[in-house]
Amino acid sequence: HHQKAGGGVIRRVVQQLEQSGLVARKSKTSGRVITARGKKFVAEALK
């Protein structure tokens, strides 16, 4: 099952990920990339 999420909710989550250092802006016009810290966090969560 899935349901559409409001853009504001998604935007806020991505902003929080940026603030915590798990993702970073690639450039002003491009999207975001997961940082080394974010990769480590995901790897630990999957253990």
C-alpha atoms as a PDB file:
ATOM      1  CA  HIS A   1       0.000   0.000   0.000  1.00  0.00           C
ATOM      2  CA  HIS A   2       1.104   3.554  -0.556  1.00  0.00           C
ATOM      3  CA  GLN A   3      -0.265   7.008  -0.225  1.00  0.00           C
ATOM      4  CA  LYS A   4       0.858  10.331  -1.604  1.00  0.00           C
ATOM      5  CA  ALA A   5       2.718  12.529   0.852  1.00  0.00           C
ATOM      6  CA  GLY A   6       2.525  16.286   0.891  1.00  0.00           C
ATOM      7  CA  GLY A   7       5.557  18.084  -0.520  1.00  0.00           C
ATOM      8  CA  GLY A   8       6.015  20.016   2.699  1.00  0.00           C
ATOM      9  CA  VAL A   9       6.459  16.837   4.720  1.00  0.00           C
ATOM     10  CA  ILE A  10       9.052  15.435   2.317  1.00  0.00           C
ATOM     11  CA  ARG A  11      10.866  18.781   2.145  1.00  0.00           C
ATOM     12  CA  ARG A  12      11.057  18.984   5.951  1.00  0.00           C
ATOM     13  CA  VAL A  13      12.456  15.446   6.250  1.00  0.00           C
ATOM     14  CA  VAL A  14      15.142  16.180   3.650  1.00  0.00           C
ATOM     15  CA  GLN A  15      16.035  19.424   5.451  1.00  0.00           C
ATOM     16  CA  GLN A  16      16.413  17.520   8.719  1.00  0.00           C
ATOM     17  CA  LEU A  17      18.664  14.967   7.015  1.00  0.00           C
ATOM     18  CA  GLU A  18      20.797  17.862   5.749  1.00  0.00           C
ATOM     19  CA  GLN A  19      20.979  19.453   9.202  1.00  0.00           C
ATOM     20  CA  SER A  20      22.113  16.160  10.736  1.00  0.00           C
ATOM     21  CA  GLY A  21      24.840  15.771   8.125  1.00  0.00           C
ATOM     22  CA  LEU A  22      23.467  12.596   6.555  1.00  0.00           C
ATOM     23  CA  VAL A  23      22.887  14.196   3.150  1.00  0.00           C
ATOM     24  CA  ALA A  24      24.419  17.223   1.445  1.00  0.00           C
ATOM     25  CA  ARG A  25      23.535  19.406  -1.514  1.00  0.00           C
ATOM     26  CA  LYS A  26      25.463  18.363  -4.602  1.00  0.00           C
ATOM     27  CA  SER A  27      25.184  21.862  -6.040  1.00  0.00           C
ATOM     28  CA  LYS A  28      22.734  24.724  -6.033  1.00  0.00           C
ATOM     29  CA  THR A  29      20.792  23.332  -9.012  1.00  0.00           C
ATOM     30  CA  SER A  30      21.380  19.589  -8.593  1.00  0.00           C
ATOM     31  CA  GLY A  31      19.888  17.320  -6.001  1.00  0.00           C
ATOM     32  CA  ARG A  32      21.406  15.957  -2.829  1.00  0.00           C
ATOM     33  CA  VAL A  33      23.843  13.128  -2.153  1.00  0.00           C
ATOM     34  CA  ILE A  34      24.297  10.885   0.845  1.00  0.00           C
ATOM     35  CA  THR A  35      27.434  11.725   2.818  1.00  0.00           C
ATOM     36  CA  ALA A  36      29.994   9.296   4.240  1.00  0.00           C
ATOM     37  CA  ARG A  37      28.310   9.805   7.615  1.00  0.00           C
ATOM     38  CA  GLY A  38      24.949   8.950   6.043  1.00  0.00           C
ATOM     39  CA  LYS A  39      26.355   5.780   4.455  1.00  0.00           C
ATOM     40  CA  LYS A  40      27.807   4.731   7.797  1.00  0.00           C
ATOM     41  CA  PHE A  41      24.473   5.377   9.526  1.00  0.00           C
ATOM     42  CA  VAL A  42      22.590   3.231   6.992  1.00  0.00           C
ATOM     43  CA  ALA A  43      25.176   0.429   7.222  1.00  0.00           C
ATOM     44  CA  GLU A  44      24.880   0.373  11.019  1.00  0.00           C
ATOM     45  CA  ALA A  45      21.084   0.404  10.858  1.00  0.00           C
ATOM     46  CA  LEU A  46      21.088  -2.626   8.549  1.00  0.00           C
ATOM     47  CA  LYS A  47      23.158  -4.757  10.936  1.00  0.00           C
END
